[in-house]
Amino acid sequence: MPHLLQVEGLARQFKINSKGVIDAVKGISFYIDTGEVYSLLGPNGAGKSTTIAMISGLIEPTRGEAFIDGYSIQREPLQAKRLLGVVPQEIALYPKLSARQNLEFFGRMYGLSGSMLARRVDEVLDIIDLAERQHDKIETFSGGMKRRVNIGVGLVHQPRLIYMDEPTVGVDPQSRRRILDTVLRLRDELGMSVLYTTHYMEEAQELSDRVGIIDHGEIIAEGTVGELIRQVGEEDRLVLHVGDQVLPAGLTERLRAEVEGITEVHVEQHMPEDALSPDTILTILAKRGRKALPDLLQVAASAGLDVISVEVREPDLEAVFLHLTGRALRD
């Protein structure tokens, strides 16, 4: 059976000056089947939004192709676009109109009218859980509510595939939860396919049937969450915060040599909010991390390092990204 979305070698270059170009996306390929949530997981600037823009027909690829239910997004754009809904990262609504008026306006743009339009707007308002606020102007809504209406606009014409580009960025925890529940409902109750881009590991881990990890314009790993996590085996992730201390010379080598089970040691700096200096963080992959922790702390102390706090995390997608790239996903 053909895939609902088939992406084949999509690439995009941008000219940055008279002498050079930048490769924003470097020939990526993936597919999505009917009733599946596929997440593109990667840091800001990895190429997620550019990929979505090419698949949506907003920008032309430098090379490659994408097909929606067999229709080429380049050669048959009208047929392909009828099957998709797009939820951009930026809010694209009319603030002086109500939620219902926005949905009606965009529904008419898709060719809906009369009783069919009214019925579909009612259904979408139920999906995004805003029926009680449907007559209120968008300008009175919170950021999370605006994002839910943004999702509704992408759903009003009943697409088979919907793209959501970082839909939870900048929203409060309650609104974020509602958006995630909406994604699950689209798949589980309505049988829709969702292409979801995010840099939040926990979102991809919760929502996805499959995940493509994207970095520097390339998909560097792909599979189910379980398949990806198995790439790092049964290693725990030990995260040590040491504040603004300078790491003792040779510490990482001592940790690998003297603590049983340690396989990787990564050092990074993170600037906490309202802090005057960065927090140095040691992220250590270790088999049976809880057992290795006492020896690890003893070696650190003997080297003159004062560990401020320690977190022990079981294998997850963050560990996979760290293993593949040598840095944390937030970088």
C-alpha atoms as a PDB file:
ATOM      1  CA  MET A   1       0.000   0.000   0.000  1.00  0.00           C
ATOM      2  CA  PRO A   2       1.437   3.447  -0.920  1.00  0.00           C
ATOM      3  CA  HIS A   3       2.379   5.755   1.918  1.00  0.00           C
ATOM      4  CA  LEU A   4       0.132   8.757   2.539  1.00  0.00           C
ATOM      5  CA  LEU A   5       3.196  11.025   2.552  1.00  0.00           C
ATOM      6  CA  GLN A   6       6.385  10.074   0.733  1.00  0.00           C
ATOM      7  CA  VAL A   7       9.373  12.428   0.980  1.00  0.00           C
ATOM      8  CA  GLU A   8      12.253  11.607  -1.349  1.00  0.00           C
ATOM      9  CA  GLY A   9      15.597  13.372  -1.094  1.00  0.00           C
ATOM     10  CA  LEU A  10      14.274  16.854  -0.277  1.00  0.00           C
ATOM     11  CA  ALA A  11      16.982  19.491  -0.103  1.00  0.00           C
ATOM     12  CA  ARG A  12      17.036  23.264   0.101  1.00  0.00           C
ATOM     13  CA  GLN A  13      19.855  25.744  -0.283  1.00  0.00           C
ATOM     14  CA  PHE A  14      19.659  29.437   0.570  1.00  0.00           C
ATOM     15  CA  LYS A  15      21.966  32.036  -0.883  1.00  0.00           C
ATOM     16  CA  ILE A  16      23.578  33.984   1.968  1.00  0.00           C
ATOM     17  CA  ASN A  17      25.748  36.362  -0.052  1.00  0.00           C
ATOM     18  CA  SER A  18      27.218  36.783  -3.497  1.00  0.00           C
ATOM     19  CA  LYS A  19      29.765  34.031  -2.863  1.00  0.00           C
ATOM     20  CA  GLY A  20      28.080  31.328  -0.862  1.00  0.00           C
ATOM     21  CA  VAL A  21      25.022  29.294   0.027  1.00  0.00           C
ATOM     22  CA  ILE A  22      23.839  27.460   3.115  1.00  0.00           C
ATOM     23  CA  ASP A  23      22.401  23.956   3.015  1.00  0.00           C
ATOM     24  CA  ALA A  24      19.341  24.225   5.265  1.00  0.00           C
ATOM     25  CA  VAL A  25      18.070  20.737   4.369  1.00  0.00           C
ATOM     26  CA  LYS A  26      20.401  18.129   2.873  1.00  0.00           C
ATOM     27  CA  GLY A  27      18.390  15.521   1.029  1.00  0.00           C
ATOM     28  CA  ILE A  28      16.087  13.956   3.602  1.00  0.00           C
ATOM     29  CA  SER A  29      13.677  11.071   2.986  1.00  0.00           C
ATOM     30  CA  PHE A  30      10.888   9.650   5.141  1.00  0.00           C
ATOM     31  CA  TYR A  31       7.268   8.515   4.924  1.00  0.00           C
ATOM     32  CA  ILE A  32       4.048   8.675   6.917  1.00  0.00           C
ATOM     33  CA  ASP A  33       1.229   6.134   6.778  1.00  0.00           C
ATOM     34  CA  THR A  34      -2.474   6.704   7.376  1.00  0.00           C
ATOM     35  CA  GLY A  35      -3.358   7.135  11.055  1.00  0.00           C
ATOM     36  CA  GLU A  36       0.235   7.713  12.157  1.00  0.00           C
ATOM     37  CA  VAL A  37       1.960  10.476  14.137  1.00  0.00           C
ATOM     38  CA  TYR A  38       5.466  11.081  12.820  1.00  0.00           C
ATOM     39  CA  SER A  39       7.644  13.571  14.694  1.00  0.00           C
ATOM     40  CA  LEU A  40      10.627  15.441  13.337  1.00  0.00           C
ATOM     41  CA  LEU A  41      12.666  15.978  16.496  1.00  0.00           C
ATOM     42  CA  GLY A  42      15.617  18.316  16.539  1.00  0.00           C
ATOM     43  CA  PRO A  43      17.029  21.567  17.931  1.00  0.00           C
ATOM     44  CA  ASN A  44      16.159  25.021  16.637  1.00  0.00           C
ATOM     45  CA  GLY A  45      17.788  25.563  13.259  1.00  0.00           C
ATOM     46  CA  ALA A  46      17.932  21.856  12.416  1.00  0.00           C
ATOM     47  CA  GLY A  47      15.806  22.249   9.268  1.00  0.00           C
ATOM     48  CA  LYS A  48      12.373  21.253  10.564  1.00  0.00           C
ATOM     49  CA  SER A  49      10.468  24.364   9.455  1.00  0.00           C
ATOM     50  CA  THR A  50      12.194  24.449   6.073  1.00  0.00           C
ATOM     51  CA  THR A  51      11.197  20.831   5.509  1.00  0.00           C
ATOM     52  CA  ILE A  52       7.580  21.610   6.359  1.00  0.00           C
ATOM     53  CA  ALA A  53       7.614  24.649   4.053  1.00  0.00           C
ATOM     54  CA  MET A  54       8.809  22.512   1.138  1.00  0.00           C
ATOM     55  CA  ILE A  55       6.248  19.768   1.747  1.00  0.00           C
ATOM     56  CA  SER A  56       3.521  22.400   2.065  1.00  0.00           C
ATOM     57  CA  GLY A  57       4.472  23.973  -1.258  1.00  0.00           C
ATOM     58  CA  LEU A  58       5.463  27.292   0.335  1.00  0.00           C
ATOM     59  CA  ILE A  59       9.028  27.125  -0.977  1.00  0.00           C
ATOM     60  CA  GLU A  60      10.471  25.072  -3.823  1.00  0.00           C
ATOM     61  CA  PRO A  61      13.060  22.445  -2.999  1.00  0.00           C
ATOM     62  CA  THR A  62      16.488  22.754  -4.556  1.00  0.00           C
ATOM     63  CA  ARG A  63      16.113  19.083  -5.352  1.00  0.00           C
ATOM     64  CA  GLY A  64      13.966  16.134  -4.321  1.00  0.00           C
ATOM     65  CA  GLU A  65      10.241  15.519  -4.278  1.00  0.00           C
ATOM     66  CA  ALA A  66       7.288  14.924  -1.952  1.00  0.00           C
ATOM     67  CA  PHE A  67       4.033  13.087  -2.667  1.00  0.00           C
ATOM     68  CA  ILE A  68       0.742  13.208  -0.770  1.00  0.00           C
ATOM     69  CA  ASP A  69      -1.408  10.176  -1.584  1.00  0.00           C
ATOM     70  CA  GLY A  70       0.541   9.902  -4.821  1.00  0.00           C
ATOM     71  CA  TYR A  71       0.160  13.544  -5.863  1.00  0.00           C
ATOM     72  CA  SER A  72       3.385  15.452  -6.454  1.00  0.00           C
ATOM     73  CA  ILE A  73       3.564  18.627  -4.390  1.00  0.00           C
ATOM     74  CA  GLN A  74       5.399  20.257  -7.311  1.00  0.00           C
ATOM     75  CA  ARG A  75       3.586  18.903 -10.387  1.00  0.00           C
ATOM     76  CA  GLU A  76       0.096  18.476  -8.873  1.00  0.00           C
ATOM     77  CA  PRO A  77       0.038  21.056  -6.052  1.00  0.00           C
ATOM     78  CA  LEU A  78      -3.732  21.662  -6.005  1.00  0.00           C
ATOM     79  CA  GLN A  79      -4.592  17.974  -5.646  1.00  0.00           C
ATOM     80  CA  ALA A  80      -1.907  17.481  -3.009  1.00  0.00           C
ATOM     81  CA  LYS A  81      -2.822  20.552  -0.957  1.00  0.00           C
ATOM     82  CA  ARG A  82      -6.491  19.532  -0.744  1.00  0.00           C
ATOM     83  CA  LEU A  83      -5.335  16.574   1.351  1.00  0.00           C
ATOM     84  CA  LEU A  84      -3.288  18.510   3.865  1.00  0.00           C
ATOM     85  CA  GLY A  85      -3.768  21.025   6.635  1.00  0.00           C
ATOM     86  CA  VAL A  86      -0.973  23.279   7.838  1.00  0.00           C
ATOM     87  CA  VAL A  87      -0.527  24.664  11.359  1.00  0.00           C
ATOM     88  CA  PRO A  88       2.358  27.158  11.170  1.00  0.00           C
ATOM     89  CA  GLN A  89       4.561  28.049  14.097  1.00  0.00           C
ATOM     90  CA  GLU A  90       3.405  31.662  13.956  1.00  0.00           C
ATOM     91  CA  ILE A  91      -0.231  32.497  14.748  1.00  0.00           C
ATOM     92  CA  ALA A  92      -2.092  33.145  11.469  1.00  0.00           C
ATOM     93  CA  LEU A  93      -5.501  34.473  12.553  1.00  0.00           C
ATOM     94  CA  TYR A  94      -7.556  37.664  12.282  1.00  0.00           C
ATOM     95  CA  PRO A  95      -7.543  39.156  15.810  1.00  0.00           C
ATOM     96  CA  LYS A  96     -10.665  41.299  15.335  1.00  0.00           C
ATOM     97  CA  LEU A  97     -12.757  38.298  14.270  1.00  0.00           C
ATOM     98  CA  SER A  98     -14.153  35.673  16.611  1.00  0.00           C
ATOM     99  CA  ALA A  99     -12.947  32.091  16.686  1.00  0.00           C
ATOM    100  CA  ARG A 100     -15.979  30.988  14.700  1.00  0.00           C
ATOM    101  CA  GLN A 101     -15.576  33.766  12.147  1.00  0.00           C
ATOM    102  CA  ASN A 102     -11.949  32.806  11.600  1.00  0.00           C
ATOM    103  CA  LEU A 103     -12.888  29.175  11.018  1.00  0.00           C
ATOM    104  CA  GLU A 104     -15.694  30.193   8.671  1.00  0.00           C
ATOM    105  CA  PHE A 105     -13.398  32.493   6.705  1.00  0.00           C
ATOM    106  CA  PHE A 106     -10.736  29.857   6.169  1.00  0.00           C
ATOM    107  CA  GLY A 107     -13.396  27.223   5.480  1.00  0.00           C
ATOM    108  CA  ARG A 108     -14.698  29.357   2.617  1.00  0.00           C
ATOM    109  CA  MET A 109     -11.143  29.681   1.317  1.00  0.00           C
ATOM    110  CA  TYR A 110     -11.147  25.881   1.060  1.00  0.00           C
ATOM    111  CA  GLY A 111     -14.454  25.933  -0.832  1.00  0.00           C
ATOM    112  CA  LEU A 112     -16.857  25.080   1.989  1.00  0.00           C
ATOM    113  CA  SER A 113     -20.205  26.851   2.287  1.00  0.00           C
ATOM    114  CA  GLY A 114     -23.735  26.646   3.690  1.00  0.00           C
ATOM    115  CA  SER A 115     -24.716  23.823   6.012  1.00  0.00           C
ATOM    116  CA  MET A 116     -21.533  21.879   5.261  1.00  0.00           C
ATOM    117  CA  LEU A 117     -19.403  24.805   6.455  1.00  0.00           C
ATOM    118  CA  ALA A 118     -21.530  25.326   9.587  1.00  0.00           C
ATOM    119  CA  ARG A 119     -21.382  21.625  10.454  1.00  0.00           C
ATOM    120  CA  ARG A 120     -17.648  21.448   9.941  1.00  0.00           C
ATOM    121  CA  VAL A 121     -16.988  24.557  12.068  1.00  0.00           C
ATOM    122  CA  ASP A 122     -19.067  23.028  14.875  1.00  0.00           C
ATOM    123  CA  GLU A 123     -17.047  19.807  14.669  1.00  0.00           C
ATOM    124  CA  VAL A 124     -13.733  21.648  14.756  1.00  0.00           C
ATOM    125  CA  LEU A 125     -14.774  23.802  17.711  1.00  0.00           C
ATOM    126  CA  ASP A 126     -15.512  20.573  19.573  1.00  0.00           C
ATOM    127  CA  ILE A 127     -12.143  19.085  18.626  1.00  0.00           C
ATOM    128  CA  ILE A 128     -10.210  22.128  19.865  1.00  0.00           C
ATOM    129  CA  ASP A 129     -12.506  22.474  22.908  1.00  0.00           C
ATOM    130  CA  LEU A 130     -13.480  26.096  22.274  1.00  0.00           C
ATOM    131  CA  ALA A 131     -17.210  25.858  21.554  1.00  0.00           C
ATOM    132  CA  GLU A 132     -18.034  27.977  24.603  1.00  0.00           C
ATOM    133  CA  ARG A 133     -15.702  30.755  23.420  1.00  0.00           C
ATOM    134  CA  GLN A 134     -16.545  30.575  19.732  1.00  0.00           C
ATOM    135  CA  HIS A 135     -18.076  34.078  19.552  1.00  0.00           C
ATOM    136  CA  ASP A 136     -15.231  35.826  21.419  1.00  0.00           C
ATOM    137  CA  LYS A 137     -12.667  37.789  19.444  1.00  0.00           C
ATOM    138  CA  ILE A 138      -9.246  36.238  18.955  1.00  0.00           C
ATOM    139  CA  GLU A 139      -7.584  39.303  20.482  1.00  0.00           C
ATOM    140  CA  THR A 140      -9.136  38.365  23.856  1.00  0.00           C
ATOM    141  CA  PHE A 141      -7.657  34.839  23.796  1.00  0.00           C
ATOM    142  CA  SER A 142      -4.566  33.575  25.587  1.00  0.00           C
ATOM    143  CA  GLY A 143      -1.601  32.376  23.544  1.00  0.00           C
ATOM    144  CA  GLY A 144      -2.600  28.763  24.076  1.00  0.00           C
ATOM    145  CA  MET A 145      -6.173  29.369  22.921  1.00  0.00           C
ATOM    146  CA  LYS A 146      -4.940  31.150  19.797  1.00  0.00           C
ATOM    147  CA  ARG A 147      -2.785  28.151  18.985  1.00  0.00           C
ATOM    148  CA  ARG A 148      -5.783  25.859  19.342  1.00  0.00           C
ATOM    149  CA  VAL A 149      -7.761  28.012  16.893  1.00  0.00           C
ATOM    150  CA  ASN A 150      -4.703  27.900  14.622  1.00  0.00           C
ATOM    151  CA  ILE A 151      -4.966  24.105  14.726  1.00  0.00           C
ATOM    152  CA  GLY A 152      -8.694  24.362  13.990  1.00  0.00           C
ATOM    153  CA  VAL A 153      -7.987  26.351  10.822  1.00  0.00           C
ATOM    154  CA  GLY A 154      -5.772  23.510   9.625  1.00  0.00           C
ATOM    155  CA  LEU A 155      -8.561  20.999  10.294  1.00  0.00           C
ATOM    156  CA  VAL A 156     -11.632  22.765   8.934  1.00  0.00           C
ATOM    157  CA  HIS A 157     -11.475  21.250   5.429  1.00  0.00           C
ATOM    158  CA  GLN A 158     -11.038  17.681   6.759  1.00  0.00           C
ATOM    159  CA  PRO A 159      -7.518  16.977   5.508  1.00  0.00           C
ATOM    160  CA  ARG A 160      -6.065  13.485   5.609  1.00  0.00           C
ATOM    161  CA  LEU A 161      -2.701  14.782   6.795  1.00  0.00           C
ATOM    162  CA  ILE A 162      -1.977  17.738   9.061  1.00  0.00           C
ATOM    163  CA  TYR A 163       1.398  19.371   9.668  1.00  0.00           C
ATOM    164  CA  MET A 164       2.014  20.990  13.037  1.00  0.00           C
ATOM    165  CA  ASP A 165       5.148  23.113  13.279  1.00  0.00           C
ATOM    166  CA  GLU A 166       6.223  23.513  16.942  1.00  0.00           C
ATOM    167  CA  PRO A 167       2.593  24.084  18.078  1.00  0.00           C
ATOM    168  CA  THR A 168       3.353  24.263  21.816  1.00  0.00           C
ATOM    169  CA  VAL A 169       6.131  26.865  21.743  1.00  0.00           C
ATOM    170  CA  GLY A 170       5.433  29.676  24.210  1.00  0.00           C
ATOM    171  CA  VAL A 171       2.201  28.301  25.676  1.00  0.00           C
ATOM    172  CA  ASP A 172       1.357  27.592  29.308  1.00  0.00           C
ATOM    173  CA  PRO A 173       1.439  24.002  30.639  1.00  0.00           C
ATOM    174  CA  GLN A 174      -2.365  23.594  30.638  1.00  0.00           C
ATOM    175  CA  SER A 175      -2.668  24.741  27.012  1.00  0.00           C
ATOM    176  CA  ARG A 176       0.244  22.536  26.047  1.00  0.00           C
ATOM    177  CA  ARG A 177      -1.529  19.539  27.536  1.00  0.00           C
ATOM    178  CA  ARG A 178      -4.693  20.336  25.579  1.00  0.00           C
ATOM    179  CA  ILE A 179      -2.746  20.606  22.330  1.00  0.00           C
ATOM    180  CA  LEU A 180      -1.040  17.250  22.912  1.00  0.00           C
ATOM    181  CA  ASP A 181      -4.383  15.640  23.731  1.00  0.00           C
ATOM    182  CA  THR A 182      -5.783  17.085  20.501  1.00  0.00           C
ATOM    183  CA  VAL A 183      -2.985  15.470  18.504  1.00  0.00           C
ATOM    184  CA  LEU A 184      -3.713  12.097  20.095  1.00  0.00           C
ATOM    185  CA  ARG A 185      -7.422  12.508  19.425  1.00  0.00           C
ATOM    186  CA  LEU A 186      -6.807  13.290  15.756  1.00  0.00           C
ATOM    187  CA  ARG A 187      -4.967   9.996  15.409  1.00  0.00           C
ATOM    188  CA  ASP A 188      -6.899   7.738  17.734  1.00  0.00           C
ATOM    189  CA  GLU A 189     -10.484   8.910  17.147  1.00  0.00           C
ATOM    190  CA  LEU A 190     -10.382  10.467  13.682  1.00  0.00           C
ATOM    191  CA  GLY A 191      -7.728   8.310  12.017  1.00  0.00           C
ATOM    192  CA  MET A 192      -5.725  11.277  10.767  1.00  0.00           C
ATOM    193  CA  SER A 193      -2.020  11.372  10.032  1.00  0.00           C
ATOM    194  CA  VAL A 194       0.102  14.021  11.746  1.00  0.00           C
ATOM    195  CA  LEU A 195       3.539  15.355  10.884  1.00  0.00           C
ATOM    196  CA  TYR A 196       4.693  16.997  14.105  1.00  0.00           C
ATOM    197  CA  THR A 197       7.869  19.042  14.488  1.00  0.00           C
ATOM    198  CA  THR A 198       9.291  19.753  17.921  1.00  0.00           C
ATOM    199  CA  HIS A 199      12.480  20.285  19.878  1.00  0.00           C
ATOM    200  CA  TYR A 200      10.810  18.928  23.022  1.00  0.00           C
ATOM    201  CA  MET A 201      11.963  15.355  23.544  1.00  0.00           C
ATOM    202  CA  GLU A 202       9.118  14.478  25.897  1.00  0.00           C
ATOM    203  CA  GLU A 203       6.486  15.502  23.316  1.00  0.00           C
ATOM    204  CA  ALA A 204       7.983  13.312  20.618  1.00  0.00           C
ATOM    205  CA  GLN A 205       8.305  10.454  23.073  1.00  0.00           C
ATOM    206  CA  GLU A 206       4.637  10.673  24.105  1.00  0.00           C
ATOM    207  CA  LEU A 207       2.975  11.308  20.755  1.00  0.00           C
ATOM    208  CA  SER A 208       4.931   9.500  18.105  1.00  0.00           C
ATOM    209  CA  ASP A 209       4.426   6.234  16.309  1.00  0.00           C
ATOM    210  CA  ARG A 210       7.790   6.950  14.690  1.00  0.00           C
ATOM    211  CA  VAL A 211      10.419   9.663  15.110  1.00  0.00           C
ATOM    212  CA  GLY A 212      12.955  11.145  12.734  1.00  0.00           C
ATOM    213  CA  ILE A 213      15.821  12.851  14.567  1.00  0.00           C
ATOM    214  CA  ILE A 214      16.997  15.771  12.447  1.00  0.00           C
ATOM    215  CA  ASP A 215      20.202  17.739  12.923  1.00  0.00           C
ATOM    216  CA  HIS A 216      21.996  20.165  10.590  1.00  0.00           C
ATOM    217  CA  GLY A 217      19.484  19.456   7.818  1.00  0.00           C
ATOM    218  CA  GLU A 218      19.824  15.665   7.889  1.00  0.00           C
ATOM    219  CA  ILE A 219      17.828  12.837   9.456  1.00  0.00           C
ATOM    220  CA  ILE A 220      20.461  11.078  11.527  1.00  0.00           C
ATOM    221  CA  ALA A 221      18.217   8.368  13.013  1.00  0.00           C
ATOM    222  CA  GLU A 222      14.674   7.126  12.535  1.00  0.00           C
ATOM    223  CA  GLY A 223      12.374   4.558  14.080  1.00  0.00           C
ATOM    224  CA  THR A 224       9.916   3.957  16.873  1.00  0.00           C
ATOM    225  CA  VAL A 225      10.776   5.450  20.258  1.00  0.00           C
ATOM    226  CA  GLY A 226      11.711   1.987  21.483  1.00  0.00           C
ATOM    227  CA  GLU A 227      13.948   1.297  18.488  1.00  0.00           C
ATOM    228  CA  LEU A 228      15.774   4.590  18.915  1.00  0.00           C
ATOM    229  CA  ILE A 229      16.296   4.180  22.640  1.00  0.00           C
ATOM    230  CA  ARG A 230      17.745   0.717  22.088  1.00  0.00           C
ATOM    231  CA  GLN A 231      20.584   2.419  20.200  1.00  0.00           C
ATOM    232  CA  VAL A 232      21.973   3.571  23.548  1.00  0.00           C
ATOM    233  CA  GLY A 233      21.304   0.199  25.187  1.00  0.00           C
ATOM    234  CA  GLU A 234      20.436   0.146  28.860  1.00  0.00           C
ATOM    235  CA  GLU A 235      22.606   3.104  29.770  1.00  0.00           C
ATOM    236  CA  ASP A 236      21.362   5.654  32.272  1.00  0.00           C
ATOM    237  CA  ARG A 237      22.163   9.333  31.938  1.00  0.00           C
ATOM    238  CA  LEU A 238      23.784  10.960  34.979  1.00  0.00           C
ATOM    239  CA  VAL A 239      23.567  14.768  34.890  1.00  0.00           C
ATOM    240  CA  LEU A 240      25.912  16.585  37.286  1.00  0.00           C
ATOM    241  CA  HIS A 241      25.575  20.345  37.815  1.00  0.00           C
ATOM    242  CA  VAL A 242      28.746  22.004  39.105  1.00  0.00           C
ATOM    243  CA  GLY A 243      27.942  25.719  38.728  1.00  0.00           C
ATOM    244  CA  ASP A 244      30.693  28.012  37.500  1.00  0.00           C
ATOM    245  CA  GLN A 245      33.572  25.840  38.719  1.00  0.00           C
ATOM    246  CA  VAL A 246      36.471  25.114  36.393  1.00  0.00           C
ATOM    247  CA  LEU A 247      36.730  21.389  35.789  1.00  0.00           C
ATOM    248  CA  PRO A 248      39.936  19.837  37.177  1.00  0.00           C
ATOM    249  CA  ALA A 249      42.415  18.843  34.472  1.00  0.00           C
ATOM    250  CA  GLY A 250      42.026  15.246  33.363  1.00  0.00           C
ATOM    251  CA  LEU A 251      38.712  14.722  35.175  1.00  0.00           C
ATOM    252  CA  THR A 252      36.820  13.181  32.264  1.00  0.00           C
ATOM    253  CA  GLU A 253      39.649  10.716  31.606  1.00  0.00           C
ATOM    254  CA  ARG A 254      39.732   9.742  35.308  1.00  0.00           C
ATOM    255  CA  LEU A 255      35.985   9.147  35.345  1.00  0.00           C
ATOM    256  CA  ARG A 256      36.173   6.809  32.345  1.00  0.00           C
ATOM    257  CA  ALA A 257      39.139   4.951  33.774  1.00  0.00           C
ATOM    258  CA  GLU A 258      38.127   4.651  37.435  1.00  0.00           C
ATOM    259  CA  VAL A 259      34.320   4.290  37.420  1.00  0.00           C
ATOM    260  CA  GLU A 260      32.950   0.981  36.188  1.00  0.00           C
ATOM    261  CA  GLY A 261      30.179   1.190  33.600  1.00  0.00           C
ATOM    262  CA  ILE A 262      30.828   4.691  32.241  1.00  0.00           C
ATOM    263  CA  THR A 263      30.801   4.748  28.436  1.00  0.00           C
ATOM    264  CA  GLU A 264      30.627   8.462  27.559  1.00  0.00           C
ATOM    265  CA  VAL A 265      31.336  11.787  29.295  1.00  0.00           C
ATOM    266  CA  HIS A 266      30.111  15.072  27.811  1.00  0.00           C
ATOM    267  CA  VAL A 267      30.767  18.570  29.159  1.00  0.00           C
ATOM    268  CA  GLU A 268      28.548  21.537  28.276  1.00  0.00           C
ATOM    269  CA  GLN A 269      27.599  24.928  29.625  1.00  0.00           C
ATOM    270  CA  HIS A 270      24.043  26.156  30.126  1.00  0.00           C
ATOM    271  CA  MET A 271      22.960  29.669  31.101  1.00  0.00           C
ATOM    272  CA  PRO A 272      20.047  29.404  33.583  1.00  0.00           C
ATOM    273  CA  GLU A 273      17.450  32.157  33.689  1.00  0.00           C
ATOM    274  CA  ASP A 274      18.441  35.143  35.858  1.00  0.00           C
ATOM    275  CA  ALA A 275      21.954  33.726  36.308  1.00  0.00           C
ATOM    276  CA  LEU A 276      25.115  35.821  36.075  1.00  0.00           C
ATOM    277  CA  SER A 277      27.369  32.953  35.012  1.00  0.00           C
ATOM    278  CA  PRO A 278      26.835  29.689  33.121  1.00  0.00           C
ATOM    279  CA  ASP A 279      26.246  26.350  34.812  1.00  0.00           C
ATOM    280  CA  THR A 280      28.764  23.697  33.804  1.00  0.00           C
ATOM    281  CA  ILE A 281      27.072  20.346  33.306  1.00  0.00           C
ATOM    282  CA  LEU A 282      28.637  16.902  33.051  1.00  0.00           C
ATOM    283  CA  THR A 283      26.393  14.415  31.261  1.00  0.00           C
ATOM    284  CA  ILE A 284      27.588  10.852  31.713  1.00  0.00           C
ATOM    285  CA  LEU A 285      26.235   7.708  30.064  1.00  0.00           C
ATOM    286  CA  ALA A 286      26.705   4.678  32.273  1.00  0.00           C
ATOM    287  CA  LYS A 287      25.445   1.133  32.487  1.00  0.00           C
ATOM    288  CA  ARG A 288      23.556   0.687  35.762  1.00  0.00           C
ATOM    289  CA  GLY A 289      23.982   4.387  36.480  1.00  0.00           C
ATOM    290  CA  ARG A 290      22.667   4.298  40.045  1.00  0.00           C
ATOM    291  CA  LYS A 291      25.288   1.722  40.973  1.00  0.00           C
ATOM    292  CA  ALA A 292      28.041   3.803  39.350  1.00  0.00           C
ATOM    293  CA  LEU A 293      26.973   7.043  41.029  1.00  0.00           C
ATOM    294  CA  PRO A 294      28.749   6.654  44.418  1.00  0.00           C
ATOM    295  CA  ASP A 295      32.097   5.899  42.759  1.00  0.00           C
ATOM    296  CA  LEU A 296      31.573   8.744  40.311  1.00  0.00           C
ATOM    297  CA  LEU A 297      30.969  11.248  43.108  1.00  0.00           C
ATOM    298  CA  GLN A 298      33.978   9.961  45.026  1.00  0.00           C
ATOM    299  CA  VAL A 299      36.298  10.438  42.030  1.00  0.00           C
ATOM    300  CA  ALA A 300      34.876  13.934  41.423  1.00  0.00           C
ATOM    301  CA  ALA A 301      35.425  14.898  45.075  1.00  0.00           C
ATOM    302  CA  SER A 302      38.960  13.539  45.115  1.00  0.00           C
ATOM    303  CA  ALA A 303      39.701  15.669  42.064  1.00  0.00           C
ATOM    304  CA  GLY A 304      38.492  18.767  43.935  1.00  0.00           C
ATOM    305  CA  LEU A 305      35.122  19.161  42.198  1.00  0.00           C
ATOM    306  CA  ASP A 306      32.091  20.160  44.285  1.00  0.00           C
ATOM    307  CA  VAL A 307      28.957  18.630  42.707  1.00  0.00           C
ATOM    308  CA  ILE A 308      25.940  20.858  43.364  1.00  0.00           C
ATOM    309  CA  SER A 309      23.203  18.487  42.177  1.00  0.00           C
ATOM    310  CA  VAL A 310      22.774  15.150  40.427  1.00  0.00           C
ATOM    311  CA  GLU A 311      19.978  13.769  38.242  1.00  0.00           C
ATOM    312  CA  VAL A 312      19.684  10.129  37.194  1.00  0.00           C
ATOM    313  CA  ARG A 313      17.636   9.691  34.015  1.00  0.00           C
ATOM    314  CA  GLU A 314      16.657   6.447  32.358  1.00  0.00           C
ATOM    315  CA  PRO A 315      17.292   6.019  28.606  1.00  0.00           C
ATOM    316  CA  ASP A 316      15.177   8.396  26.496  1.00  0.00           C
ATOM    317  CA  LEU A 317      15.306  10.330  23.224  1.00  0.00           C
ATOM    318  CA  GLU A 318      17.513  12.999  24.801  1.00  0.00           C
ATOM    319  CA  ALA A 319      20.103  10.297  25.471  1.00  0.00           C
ATOM    320  CA  VAL A 320      19.808   9.119  21.862  1.00  0.00           C
ATOM    321  CA  PHE A 321      20.457  12.645  20.557  1.00  0.00           C
ATOM    322  CA  LEU A 322      23.409  13.049  22.919  1.00  0.00           C
ATOM    323  CA  HIS A 323      24.804   9.701  21.812  1.00  0.00           C
ATOM    324  CA  LEU A 324      24.484  10.571  18.107  1.00  0.00           C
ATOM    325  CA  THR A 325      25.697  14.183  18.185  1.00  0.00           C
ATOM    326  CA  GLY A 326      27.772  14.577  21.350  1.00  0.00           C
ATOM    327  CA  ARG A 327      25.583  17.404  22.653  1.00  0.00           C
ATOM    328  CA  ALA A 328      22.236  17.868  24.385  1.00  0.00           C
ATOM    329  CA  LEU A 329      19.085  18.474  22.361  1.00  0.00           C
ATOM    330  CA  ARG A 330      18.580  21.940  23.879  1.00  0.00           C
ATOM    331  CA  ASP A 331      21.816  23.242  22.321  1.00  0.00           C
END
